[in-house]
All heavy atoms as atom14 arrays in JSON, in Angstrom:
{
  "sequence": "AHQRALTFTDERATSPIVTTDEVLTEYLTFFSTTPFRREAAEGVN",
  "atom14_mask": [
    [1, 1, 1, 1, 1, 0, 0, 0, 0, 0, 0, 0, 0, 0],
    [1, 1, 1, 1, 1, 1, 1, 1, 1, 1, 0, 0, 0, 0],
    [1, 1, 1, 1, 1, 1, 1, 1, 1, 0, 0, 0, 0, 0],
    [1, 1, 1, 1, 1, 1, 1, 1, 1, 1, 1, 0, 0, 0],
    [1, 1, 1, 1, 1, 0, 0, 0, 0, 0, 0, 0, 0, 0],
    [1, 1, 1, 1, 1, 1, 1, 1, 0, 0, 0, 0, 0, 0],
    [1, 1, 1, 1, 1, 1, 1, 0, 0, 0, 0, 0, 0, 0],
    [1, 1, 1, 1, 1, 1, 1, 1, 1, 1, 1, 0, 0, 0],
    [1, 1, 1, 1, 1, 1, 1, 0, 0, 0, 0, 0, 0, 0],
    [1, 1, 1, 1, 1, 1, 1, 1, 0, 0, 0, 0, 0, 0],
    [1, 1, 1, 1, 1, 1, 1, 1, 1, 0, 0, 0, 0, 0],
    [1, 1, 1, 1, 1, 1, 1, 1, 1, 1, 1, 0, 0, 0],
    [1, 1, 1, 1, 1, 0, 0, 0, 0, 0, 0, 0, 0, 0],
    [1, 1, 1, 1, 1, 1, 1, 0, 0, 0, 0, 0, 0, 0],
    [1, 1, 1, 1, 1, 1, 0, 0, 0, 0, 0, 0, 0, 0],
    [1, 1, 1, 1, 1, 1, 1, 0, 0, 0, 0, 0, 0, 0],
    [1, 1, 1, 1, 1, 1, 1, 1, 0, 0, 0, 0, 0, 0],
    [1, 1, 1, 1, 1, 1, 1, 0, 0, 0, 0, 0, 0, 0],
    [1, 1, 1, 1, 1, 1, 1, 0, 0, 0, 0, 0, 0, 0],
    [1, 1, 1, 1, 1, 1, 1, 0, 0, 0, 0, 0, 0, 0],
    [1, 1, 1, 1, 1, 1, 1, 1, 0, 0, 0, 0, 0, 0],
    [1, 1, 1, 1, 1, 1, 1, 1, 1, 0, 0, 0, 0, 0],
    [1, 1, 1, 1, 1, 1, 1, 0, 0, 0, 0, 0, 0, 0],
    [1, 1, 1, 1, 1, 1, 1, 1, 0, 0, 0, 0, 0, 0],
    [1, 1, 1, 1, 1, 1, 1, 0, 0, 0, 0, 0, 0, 0],
    [1, 1, 1, 1, 1, 1, 1, 1, 1, 0, 0, 0, 0, 0],
    [1, 1, 1, 1, 1, 1, 1, 1, 1, 1, 1, 1, 0, 0],
    [1, 1, 1, 1, 1, 1, 1, 1, 0, 0, 0, 0, 0, 0],
    [1, 1, 1, 1, 1, 1, 1, 0, 0, 0, 0, 0, 0, 0],
    [1, 1, 1, 1, 1, 1, 1, 1, 1, 1, 1, 0, 0, 0],
    [1, 1, 1, 1, 1, 1, 1, 1, 1, 1, 1, 0, 0, 0],
    [1, 1, 1, 1, 1, 1, 0, 0, 0, 0, 0, 0, 0, 0],
    [1, 1, 1, 1, 1, 1, 1, 0, 0, 0, 0, 0, 0, 0],
    [1, 1, 1, 1, 1, 1, 1, 0, 0, 0, 0, 0, 0, 0],
    [1, 1, 1, 1, 1, 1, 1, 0, 0, 0, 0, 0, 0, 0],
    [1, 1, 1, 1, 1, 1, 1, 1, 1, 1, 1, 0, 0, 0],
    [1, 1, 1, 1, 1, 1, 1, 1, 1, 1, 1, 0, 0, 0],
    [1, 1, 1, 1, 1, 1, 1, 1, 1, 1, 1, 0, 0, 0],
    [1, 1, 1, 1, 1, 1, 1, 1, 1, 0, 0, 0, 0, 0],
    [1, 1, 1, 1, 1, 0, 0, 0, 0, 0, 0, 0, 0, 0],
    [1, 1, 1, 1, 1, 0, 0, 0, 0, 0, 0, 0, 0, 0],
    [1, 1, 1, 1, 1, 1, 1, 1, 1, 0, 0, 0, 0, 0],
    [1, 1, 1, 1, 0, 0, 0, 0, 0, 0, 0, 0, 0, 0],
    [1, 1, 1, 1, 1, 1, 1, 0, 0, 0, 0, 0, 0, 0],
    [1, 1, 1, 1, 1, 1, 1, 1, 0, 0, 0, 0, 0, 0]
  ],
  "atom14_positions": [
    [[120.6, -2.8, 11.33], [120.63, -2.98, 9.84], [120.87, -4.36, 9.38], [121.13, -4.5, 8.18], [121.67, -1.98, 9.28], [0.0, 0.0, 0.0], [0.0, 0.0, 0.0], [0.0, 0.0, 0.0], [0.0, 0.0, 0.0], [0.0, 0.0, 0.0], [0.0, 0.0, 0.0], [0.0, 0.0, 0.0], [0.0, 0.0, 0.0], [0.0, 0.0, 0.0]],
    [[120.9, -5.3, 10.27], [121.2, -6.72, 9.92], [120.26, -7.19, 8.72], [120.71, -7.77, 7.72], [121.02, -7.52, 11.16], [121.21, -9.01, 10.85], [122.51, -9.42, 10.6], [120.47, -10.13, 10.9], [122.51, -10.84, 10.4], [121.24, -11.24, 10.56], [0.0, 0.0, 0.0], [0.0, 0.0, 0.0], [0.0, 0.0, 0.0], [0.0, 0.0, 0.0]],
    [[118.95, -7.01, 8.88], [117.99, -7.53, 7.93], [118.32, -6.86, 6.49], [118.31, -7.52, 5.47], [116.58, -7.25, 8.26], [115.61, -7.92, 7.36], [115.82, -9.51, 7.16], [116.04, -10.28, 8.2], [115.92, -9.96, 5.98], [0.0, 0.0, 0.0], [0.0, 0.0, 0.0], [0.0, 0.0, 0.0], [0.0, 0.0, 0.0], [0.0, 0.0, 0.0]],
    [[118.61, -5.61, 6.44], [118.95, -4.88, 5.28], [120.2, -5.3, 4.5], [120.28, -5.6, 3.44], [118.99, -3.47, 5.47], [117.74, -2.69, 5.73], [117.85, -1.19, 5.83], [118.76, -0.89, 6.82], [119.4, 0.4, 7.02], [119.09, 1.32, 6.07], [120.11, 0.67, 7.92], [0.0, 0.0, 0.0], [0.0, 0.0, 0.0], [0.0, 0.0, 0.0]],
    [[121.25, -5.77, 5.48], [122.36, -6.35, 5.0], [122.09, -7.75, 4.34], [122.72, -8.06, 3.32], [123.35, -6.41, 6.04], [0.0, 0.0, 0.0], [0.0, 0.0, 0.0], [0.0, 0.0, 0.0], [0.0, 0.0, 0.0], [0.0, 0.0, 0.0], [0.0, 0.0, 0.0], [0.0, 0.0, 0.0], [0.0, 0.0, 0.0], [0.0, 0.0, 0.0]],
    [[121.28, -8.48, 4.94], [120.92, -9.75, 4.42], [120.16, -9.72, 3.14], [120.57, -10.43, 2.19], [120.05, -10.63, 5.47], [120.82, -11.04, 6.73], [119.71, -11.7, 7.54], [121.9, -12.02, 6.39], [0.0, 0.0, 0.0], [0.0, 0.0, 0.0], [0.0, 0.0, 0.0], [0.0, 0.0, 0.0], [0.0, 0.0, 0.0], [0.0, 0.0, 0.0]],
    [[119.33, -8.74, 3.02], [118.55, -8.52, 1.74], [119.44, -7.99, 0.69], [119.4, -8.6, -0.52], [117.41, -7.45, 2.05], [116.65, -7.95, 3.01], [116.64, -7.2, 0.76], [0.0, 0.0, 0.0], [0.0, 0.0, 0.0], [0.0, 0.0, 0.0], [0.0, 0.0, 0.0], [0.0, 0.0, 0.0], [0.0, 0.0, 0.0], [0.0, 0.0, 0.0]],
    [[120.35, -7.15, 0.94], [121.41, -6.71, 0.06], [122.19, -7.67, -0.49], [122.33, -7.85, -1.71], [122.22, -5.57, 0.68], [123.35, -5.05, -0.14], [123.16, -4.02, -1.14], [124.63, -5.62, -0.07], [124.1, -3.57, -1.84], [125.64, -5.11, -0.82], [125.39, -4.15, -1.74], [0.0, 0.0, 0.0], [0.0, 0.0, 0.0], [0.0, 0.0, 0.0]],
    [[122.59, -8.61, 0.38], [123.44, -9.84, -0.04], [122.64, -10.76, -0.89], [123.3, -11.21, -1.94], [123.99, -10.47, 1.23], [124.67, -9.64, 2.02], [124.75, -11.7, 0.89], [0.0, 0.0, 0.0], [0.0, 0.0, 0.0], [0.0, 0.0, 0.0], [0.0, 0.0, 0.0], [0.0, 0.0, 0.0], [0.0, 0.0, 0.0], [0.0, 0.0, 0.0]],
    [[121.41, -10.95, -0.57], [120.59, -11.87, -1.36], [120.31, -11.36, -2.71], [120.36, -12.03, -3.7], [119.33, -12.2, -0.72], [119.43, -13.06, 0.49], [120.54, -13.78, 0.64], [118.5, -13.21, 1.3], [0.0, 0.0, 0.0], [0.0, 0.0, 0.0], [0.0, 0.0, 0.0], [0.0, 0.0, 0.0], [0.0, 0.0, 0.0], [0.0, 0.0, 0.0]],
    [[120.06, -10.02, -2.89], [119.74, -9.42, -4.16], [120.89, -9.36, -5.0], [120.64, -9.2, -6.3], [119.16, -7.95, -3.78], [117.79, -7.94, -3.15], [117.27, -6.54, -2.76], [118.1, -5.59, -2.86], [116.22, -6.44, -2.42], [0.0, 0.0, 0.0], [0.0, 0.0, 0.0], [0.0, 0.0, 0.0], [0.0, 0.0, 0.0], [0.0, 0.0, 0.0]],
    [[122.11, -9.37, -4.5], [123.3, -9.12, -5.32], [124.22, -10.4, -5.2], [125.37, -10.27, -5.26], [123.96, -7.8, -5.04], [123.16, -6.63, -5.39], [123.6, -5.44, -4.71], [122.81, -4.28, -5.11], [121.6, -3.9, -4.58], [121.05, -4.67, -3.61], [120.94, -2.89, -5.05], [0.0, 0.0, 0.0], [0.0, 0.0, 0.0], [0.0, 0.0, 0.0]],
    [[123.63, -11.56, -5.03], [124.34, -12.83, -4.74], [125.4, -13.06, -5.9], [126.49, -13.72, -5.57], [123.38, -13.89, -4.47], [0.0, 0.0, 0.0], [0.0, 0.0, 0.0], [0.0, 0.0, 0.0], [0.0, 0.0, 0.0], [0.0, 0.0, 0.0], [0.0, 0.0, 0.0], [0.0, 0.0, 0.0], [0.0, 0.0, 0.0], [0.0, 0.0, 0.0]],
    [[125.17, -12.64, -7.09], [126.11, -13.03, -8.2], [127.21, -11.99, -8.41], [128.11, -12.14, -9.22], [125.33, -13.15, -9.54], [124.66, -12.1, -9.85], [124.32, -14.36, -9.39], [0.0, 0.0, 0.0], [0.0, 0.0, 0.0], [0.0, 0.0, 0.0], [0.0, 0.0, 0.0], [0.0, 0.0, 0.0], [0.0, 0.0, 0.0], [0.0, 0.0, 0.0]],
    [[127.11, -10.93, -7.68], [128.11, -9.86, -7.87], [129.21, -10.0, -6.97], [129.08, -10.34, -5.69], [127.54, -8.43, -7.54], [126.52, -8.1, -8.33], [0.0, 0.0, 0.0], [0.0, 0.0, 0.0], [0.0, 0.0, 0.0], [0.0, 0.0, 0.0], [0.0, 0.0, 0.0], [0.0, 0.0, 0.0], [0.0, 0.0, 0.0], [0.0, 0.0, 0.0]],
    [[130.45, -9.93, -7.38], [131.65, -9.92, -6.59], [131.64, -8.86, -5.46], [131.27, -7.72, -5.74], [132.86, -9.91, -7.4], [132.37, -9.6, -8.81], [130.77, -9.61, -8.72], [0.0, 0.0, 0.0], [0.0, 0.0, 0.0], [0.0, 0.0, 0.0], [0.0, 0.0, 0.0], [0.0, 0.0, 0.0], [0.0, 0.0, 0.0], [0.0, 0.0, 0.0]],
    [[132.12, -9.16, -4.38], [132.31, -8.23, -3.19], [133.76, -7.74, -3.11], [134.56, -8.63, -2.92], [131.53, -8.67, -2.02], [130.04, -8.9, -2.05], [131.86, -7.76, -0.88], [129.38, -9.5, -0.96], [0.0, 0.0, 0.0], [0.0, 0.0, 0.0], [0.0, 0.0, 0.0], [0.0, 0.0, 0.0], [0.0, 0.0, 0.0], [0.0, 0.0, 0.0]],
    [[133.96, -6.48, -2.99], [135.25, -5.91, -2.75], [135.29, -5.14, -1.55], [134.29, -4.38, -1.28], [135.68, -5.01, -3.98], [137.06, -4.46, -3.78], [135.51, -5.83, -5.28], [0.0, 0.0, 0.0], [0.0, 0.0, 0.0], [0.0, 0.0, 0.0], [0.0, 0.0, 0.0], [0.0, 0.0, 0.0], [0.0, 0.0, 0.0], [0.0, 0.0, 0.0]],
    [[136.33, -5.24, -0.73], [136.55, -4.44, 0.4], [138.05, -4.08, 0.61], [138.8, -4.54, -0.3], [136.03, -5.05, 1.7], [135.75, -4.08, 2.65], [136.73, -6.29, 2.25], [0.0, 0.0, 0.0], [0.0, 0.0, 0.0], [0.0, 0.0, 0.0], [0.0, 0.0, 0.0], [0.0, 0.0, 0.0], [0.0, 0.0, 0.0], [0.0, 0.0, 0.0]],
    [[138.5, -3.48, 1.66], [139.83, -3.19, 1.89], [140.32, -3.63, 3.17], [139.51, -4.07, 4.07], [140.07, -1.58, 1.87], [139.39, -1.1, 2.99], [139.5, -0.93, 0.54], [0.0, 0.0, 0.0], [0.0, 0.0, 0.0], [0.0, 0.0, 0.0], [0.0, 0.0, 0.0], [0.0, 0.0, 0.0], [0.0, 0.0, 0.0], [0.0, 0.0, 0.0]],
    [[141.53, -3.75, 3.27], [142.17, -4.08, 4.59], [141.76, -3.25, 5.69], [141.55, -3.54, 6.82], [143.74, -4.21, 4.46], [144.24, -5.37, 3.65], [143.46, -6.24, 3.34], [145.46, -5.2, 3.11], [0.0, 0.0, 0.0], [0.0, 0.0, 0.0], [0.0, 0.0, 0.0], [0.0, 0.0, 0.0], [0.0, 0.0, 0.0], [0.0, 0.0, 0.0]],
    [[141.72, -1.88, 5.33], [141.26, -0.98, 6.41], [139.9, -1.23, 6.94], [139.62, -1.12, 8.18], [141.38, 0.47, 5.83], [142.86, 1.09, 5.61], [143.33, 0.49, 4.38], [142.79, -0.13, 3.46], [144.62, 0.74, 4.12], [0.0, 0.0, 0.0], [0.0, 0.0, 0.0], [0.0, 0.0, 0.0], [0.0, 0.0, 0.0], [0.0, 0.0, 0.0]],
    [[138.96, -1.49, 5.95], [137.64, -1.89, 6.44], [137.69, -3.14, 7.35], [137.01, -3.31, 8.34], [136.73, -2.11, 5.08], [135.4, -2.87, 5.51], [136.51, -0.82, 4.49], [0.0, 0.0, 0.0], [0.0, 0.0, 0.0], [0.0, 0.0, 0.0], [0.0, 0.0, 0.0], [0.0, 0.0, 0.0], [0.0, 0.0, 0.0], [0.0, 0.0, 0.0]],
    [[138.44, -4.17, 6.86], [138.49, -5.43, 7.81], [139.19, -5.03, 9.12], [138.71, -5.68, 10.04], [139.2, -6.43, 7.0], [138.63, -6.91, 5.75], [139.54, -7.94, 5.04], [137.15, -7.45, 6.05], [0.0, 0.0, 0.0], [0.0, 0.0, 0.0], [0.0, 0.0, 0.0], [0.0, 0.0, 0.0], [0.0, 0.0, 0.0], [0.0, 0.0, 0.0]],
    [[140.08, -4.16, 9.19], [140.62, -3.79, 10.38], [139.64, -3.13, 11.29], [139.47, -3.35, 12.46], [141.81, -2.76, 10.23], [142.84, -3.53, 9.49], [142.47, -2.33, 11.49], [0.0, 0.0, 0.0], [0.0, 0.0, 0.0], [0.0, 0.0, 0.0], [0.0, 0.0, 0.0], [0.0, 0.0, 0.0], [0.0, 0.0, 0.0], [0.0, 0.0, 0.0]],
    [[138.85, -2.18, 10.72], [137.72, -1.6, 11.52], [136.7, -2.6, 12.0], [136.24, -2.55, 13.18], [137.11, -0.6, 10.71], [137.85, 0.64, 10.31], [137.13, 1.61, 9.46], [136.05, 1.3, 8.88], [137.52, 2.84, 9.34], [0.0, 0.0, 0.0], [0.0, 0.0, 0.0], [0.0, 0.0, 0.0], [0.0, 0.0, 0.0], [0.0, 0.0, 0.0]],
    [[136.44, -3.53, 11.21], [135.53, -4.62, 11.57], [136.02, -5.46, 12.85], [135.38, -5.78, 13.73], [135.37, -5.58, 10.37], [134.54, -6.83, 10.57], [133.18, -6.79, 10.62], [135.26, -8.09, 10.76], [132.47, -8.03, 10.82], [134.6, -9.23, 10.9], [133.18, -9.3, 10.96], [132.54, -10.37, 11.15], [0.0, 0.0, 0.0], [0.0, 0.0, 0.0]],
    [[137.36, -5.73, 12.62], [137.85, -6.58, 13.83], [138.14, -5.69, 15.03], [137.87, -6.25, 16.12], [139.47, -7.03, 13.33], [139.39, -8.09, 12.24], [140.88, -8.36, 11.87], [138.71, -9.44, 12.82], [0.0, 0.0, 0.0], [0.0, 0.0, 0.0], [0.0, 0.0, 0.0], [0.0, 0.0, 0.0], [0.0, 0.0, 0.0], [0.0, 0.0, 0.0]],
    [[138.24, -4.48, 14.88], [138.4, -3.52, 16.08], [137.08, -3.44, 16.73], [136.9, -3.57, 17.93], [138.88, -2.11, 15.7], [140.16, -2.25, 15.19], [138.87, -1.19, 16.85], [0.0, 0.0, 0.0], [0.0, 0.0, 0.0], [0.0, 0.0, 0.0], [0.0, 0.0, 0.0], [0.0, 0.0, 0.0], [0.0, 0.0, 0.0], [0.0, 0.0, 0.0]],
    [[135.99, -3.31, 15.93], [134.6, -3.29, 16.49], [134.32, -4.51, 17.32], [133.69, -4.45, 18.36], [133.57, -3.2, 15.34], [132.21, -3.17, 15.81], [131.59, -1.95, 16.14], [131.32, -4.3, 15.87], [130.22, -1.91, 16.7], [130.07, -4.29, 16.23], [129.49, -3.0, 16.62], [0.0, 0.0, 0.0], [0.0, 0.0, 0.0], [0.0, 0.0, 0.0]],
    [[134.63, -5.76, 16.87], [134.27, -7.01, 17.56], [135.48, -7.36, 18.52], [135.24, -8.45, 19.26], [134.14, -8.13, 16.48], [132.78, -8.03, 15.86], [132.71, -7.71, 14.56], [131.56, -8.24, 16.6], [131.47, -7.59, 13.87], [130.37, -8.17, 15.86], [130.3, -7.85, 14.59], [0.0, 0.0, 0.0], [0.0, 0.0, 0.0], [0.0, 0.0, 0.0]],
    [[136.49, -6.6, 18.67], [137.67, -7.03, 19.6], [137.3, -7.18, 21.03], [138.02, -7.98, 21.66], [138.79, -6.04, 19.43], [138.45, -4.88, 19.89], [0.0, 0.0, 0.0], [0.0, 0.0, 0.0], [0.0, 0.0, 0.0], [0.0, 0.0, 0.0], [0.0, 0.0, 0.0], [0.0, 0.0, 0.0], [0.0, 0.0, 0.0], [0.0, 0.0, 0.0]],
    [[136.26, -6.47, 21.49], [135.93, -6.65, 22.9], [134.62, -7.43, 23.16], [134.07, -7.29, 24.25], [135.97, -5.17, 23.54], [134.87, -4.52, 22.89], [137.29, -4.46, 23.49], [0.0, 0.0, 0.0], [0.0, 0.0, 0.0], [0.0, 0.0, 0.0], [0.0, 0.0, 0.0], [0.0, 0.0, 0.0], [0.0, 0.0, 0.0], [0.0, 0.0, 0.0]],
    [[134.14, -8.08, 22.13], [132.92, -8.77, 22.29], [133.07, -10.29, 22.36], [134.1, -10.73, 22.06], [131.95, -8.48, 21.01], [132.56, -9.15, 19.95], [131.83, -6.98, 20.87], [0.0, 0.0, 0.0], [0.0, 0.0, 0.0], [0.0, 0.0, 0.0], [0.0, 0.0, 0.0], [0.0, 0.0, 0.0], [0.0, 0.0, 0.0], [0.0, 0.0, 0.0]],
    [[132.07, -11.02, 22.68], [132.15, -12.58, 22.7], [132.4, -13.09, 21.36], [132.81, -14.19, 21.15], [130.92, -12.97, 23.22], [130.29, -11.91, 24.07], [130.81, -10.65, 23.33], [0.0, 0.0, 0.0], [0.0, 0.0, 0.0], [0.0, 0.0, 0.0], [0.0, 0.0, 0.0], [0.0, 0.0, 0.0], [0.0, 0.0, 0.0], [0.0, 0.0, 0.0]],
    [[132.3, -12.27, 20.26], [132.33, -12.72, 18.94], [133.74, -12.51, 18.35], [133.85, -12.64, 17.12], [131.22, -12.03, 18.07], [129.92, -12.24, 18.56], [129.16, -11.31, 19.19], [129.37, -13.55, 18.43], [127.87, -11.59, 19.58], [128.01, -13.8, 18.95], [127.41, -12.79, 19.55], [0.0, 0.0, 0.0], [0.0, 0.0, 0.0], [0.0, 0.0, 0.0]],
    [[134.63, -12.16, 19.15], [135.97, -11.83, 18.75], [136.64, -12.94, 17.75], [137.16, -12.71, 16.77], [136.94, -11.57, 19.95], [138.28, -11.19, 19.57], [139.07, -10.88, 20.8], [140.4, -10.73, 20.49], [141.29, -10.33, 21.41], [141.06, -10.19, 22.71], [142.54, -10.24, 21.16], [0.0, 0.0, 0.0], [0.0, 0.0, 0.0], [0.0, 0.0, 0.0]],
    [[136.61, -14.14, 18.3], [137.21, -15.22, 17.66], [136.42, -15.5, 16.28], [137.13, -15.63, 15.25], [137.19, -16.61, 18.46], [137.71, -17.86, 17.74], [137.79, -19.02, 18.52], [138.42, -18.77, 19.89], [139.63, -18.97, 20.06], [140.46, -19.4, 19.05], [140.17, -18.77, 21.27], [0.0, 0.0, 0.0], [0.0, 0.0, 0.0], [0.0, 0.0, 0.0]],
    [[135.13, -15.51, 16.26], [134.39, -15.66, 15.14], [134.68, -14.52, 13.99], [134.8, -14.87, 12.82], [132.84, -15.8, 15.34], [132.43, -16.93, 16.1], [132.52, -16.79, 17.58], [133.25, -15.85, 18.03], [132.13, -17.75, 18.3], [0.0, 0.0, 0.0], [0.0, 0.0, 0.0], [0.0, 0.0, 0.0], [0.0, 0.0, 0.0], [0.0, 0.0, 0.0]],
    [[134.87, -13.29, 14.52], [135.15, -12.27, 13.5], [136.56, -12.52, 12.98], [136.68, -12.36, 11.74], [135.16, -10.89, 14.29], [0.0, 0.0, 0.0], [0.0, 0.0, 0.0], [0.0, 0.0, 0.0], [0.0, 0.0, 0.0], [0.0, 0.0, 0.0], [0.0, 0.0, 0.0], [0.0, 0.0, 0.0], [0.0, 0.0, 0.0], [0.0, 0.0, 0.0]],
    [[137.46, -12.92, 13.75], [138.91, -13.13, 13.27], [138.87, -14.35, 12.24], [139.52, -14.24, 11.21], [139.82, -13.39, 14.41], [0.0, 0.0, 0.0], [0.0, 0.0, 0.0], [0.0, 0.0, 0.0], [0.0, 0.0, 0.0], [0.0, 0.0, 0.0], [0.0, 0.0, 0.0], [0.0, 0.0, 0.0], [0.0, 0.0, 0.0], [0.0, 0.0, 0.0]],
    [[138.08, -15.37, 12.59], [138.14, -16.49, 11.64], [137.34, -16.08, 10.44], [137.81, -16.6, 9.31], [137.32, -17.68, 12.31], [138.05, -18.25, 13.5], [137.34, -19.26, 14.33], [136.08, -19.43, 14.01], [137.93, -19.95, 15.22], [0.0, 0.0, 0.0], [0.0, 0.0, 0.0], [0.0, 0.0, 0.0], [0.0, 0.0, 0.0], [0.0, 0.0, 0.0]],
    [[136.42, -15.19, 10.43], [135.72, -14.81, 9.21], [136.69, -13.96, 8.28], [136.67, -14.19, 6.95], [0.0, 0.0, 0.0], [0.0, 0.0, 0.0], [0.0, 0.0, 0.0], [0.0, 0.0, 0.0], [0.0, 0.0, 0.0], [0.0, 0.0, 0.0], [0.0, 0.0, 0.0], [0.0, 0.0, 0.0], [0.0, 0.0, 0.0], [0.0, 0.0, 0.0]],
    [[137.42, -13.14, 8.83], [138.38, -12.35, 8.06], [139.42, -13.19, 7.5], [139.82, -13.06, 6.35], [138.94, -11.27, 8.83], [140.18, -10.45, 8.22], [137.84, -10.21, 9.16], [0.0, 0.0, 0.0], [0.0, 0.0, 0.0], [0.0, 0.0, 0.0], [0.0, 0.0, 0.0], [0.0, 0.0, 0.0], [0.0, 0.0, 0.0], [0.0, 0.0, 0.0]],
    [[140.02, -14.22, 8.27], [141.03, -15.07, 7.79], [140.51, -15.95, 6.67], [141.25, -16.41, 5.86], [141.51, -15.94, 8.91], [142.45, -15.15, 9.88], [143.06, -14.26, 9.34], [142.52, -15.51, 11.12], [0.0, 0.0, 0.0], [0.0, 0.0, 0.0], [0.0, 0.0, 0.0], [0.0, 0.0, 0.0], [0.0, 0.0, 0.0], [0.0, 0.0, 0.0]]
  ]
}
């Protein structure tokens, strides 16, 4: 779904994006065992 996420982001570039701490926790958990662990944490921070 990467390309769809990019398209969604481009189409709504002026809209504020809202998320929750729980969503960010799930995101960090997903990437916690991958080589992208540090990048994921830096992005959330």
